[in-house]
Protein backbone atom coordinates (compact mmCIF):
# COMPACT_ATOMS: atom_id res chain seq x y z
CA MET A 1 68.84 -13.70 -94.62
CA ALA A 2 65.90 -11.34 -95.02
CA ASP A 3 62.35 -12.41 -94.38
CA THR A 4 60.34 -13.28 -97.46
CA ILE A 5 56.93 -11.74 -98.08
CA THR A 6 54.51 -12.33 -100.89
CA VAL A 7 52.92 -9.39 -102.66
CA THR A 8 50.64 -9.66 -105.65
CA LEU A 9 51.22 -6.92 -108.22
CA SER A 10 49.98 -6.28 -111.72
CA SER A 11 52.44 -5.85 -114.59
CA ASP A 12 51.66 -2.12 -114.58
CA GLU A 13 52.48 -1.86 -110.89
CA ILE A 14 55.77 -3.69 -111.39
CA GLU A 15 56.64 -1.33 -114.25
CA MET A 16 55.87 1.63 -111.97
CA LEU A 17 58.22 0.22 -109.32
CA VAL A 18 60.92 -0.34 -111.93
CA ASP A 19 60.58 3.26 -113.14
CA ALA A 20 60.77 4.61 -109.58
CA LEU A 21 63.78 2.47 -108.72
CA GLU A 22 65.58 3.60 -111.88
CA VAL A 23 65.17 7.22 -110.81
CA ASP A 24 66.29 6.35 -107.27
CA LEU A 25 69.30 4.51 -108.67
CA GLU A 26 70.34 7.56 -110.69
CA GLY A 27 70.28 9.63 -107.50
CA TYR A 28 72.50 7.20 -105.62
CA VAL A 29 74.95 6.90 -108.51
CA GLU A 30 75.18 10.69 -108.69
CA ALA A 31 75.61 10.93 -104.91
CA ALA A 32 78.43 8.37 -105.03
CA LYS A 33 80.18 10.42 -107.74
CA GLU A 34 79.92 13.55 -105.60
CA ALA A 35 81.22 11.67 -102.57
CA ARG A 36 84.22 10.51 -104.65
CA MET A 37 84.93 14.10 -105.70
CA GLN A 38 84.84 15.12 -102.02
CA ASN A 39 86.88 12.06 -101.02
CA ASN A 40 84.20 11.08 -98.50
CA ARG A 41 84.88 7.36 -98.15
CA GLU A 42 81.98 6.65 -95.80
CA ASP A 43 79.43 8.11 -98.22
CA ILE A 44 81.07 6.37 -101.17
CA VAL A 45 80.54 3.02 -99.46
CA THR A 46 76.98 3.87 -98.41
CA PHE A 47 75.84 5.15 -101.80
CA THR A 48 77.62 2.41 -103.73
CA GLU A 49 76.02 -0.27 -101.55
CA ALA A 50 72.59 1.31 -102.01
CA SER A 51 72.98 1.48 -105.78
CA THR A 52 74.13 -2.14 -105.92
CA ARG A 53 71.13 -3.30 -103.90
CA ILE A 54 68.76 -1.28 -106.10
CA GLN A 55 70.34 -2.77 -109.24
CA THR A 56 69.82 -6.27 -107.86
CA LEU A 57 66.17 -5.58 -107.09
CA LEU A 58 65.66 -3.91 -110.47
CA ALA A 59 67.00 -6.98 -112.24
CA ARG A 60 64.59 -9.22 -110.34
CA LEU A 61 61.62 -6.98 -111.11
CA GLN A 62 62.56 -6.46 -114.76
CA ASP A 63 62.46 -10.23 -115.22
CA LEU A 64 58.79 -10.08 -114.22
CA VAL A 65 57.79 -7.27 -116.61
CA GLU A 66 56.09 -8.44 -119.75
CA ASP A 67 57.70 -7.29 -123.01
């Protein structure tokens, strides 16, 4: 299990992180697609894992963003 740290962020800062992670996620999803086209199994696993972890973090942060 990963260590837990506490960071205090404003709603605006959380929204900025969400925006940045969404862009990062798009890059990993696209990279996974390219790896599939090239039949590069190692990269498929790497990029898919990264995108899954980003999606999990995004979900946690989006729960904190005020509507």
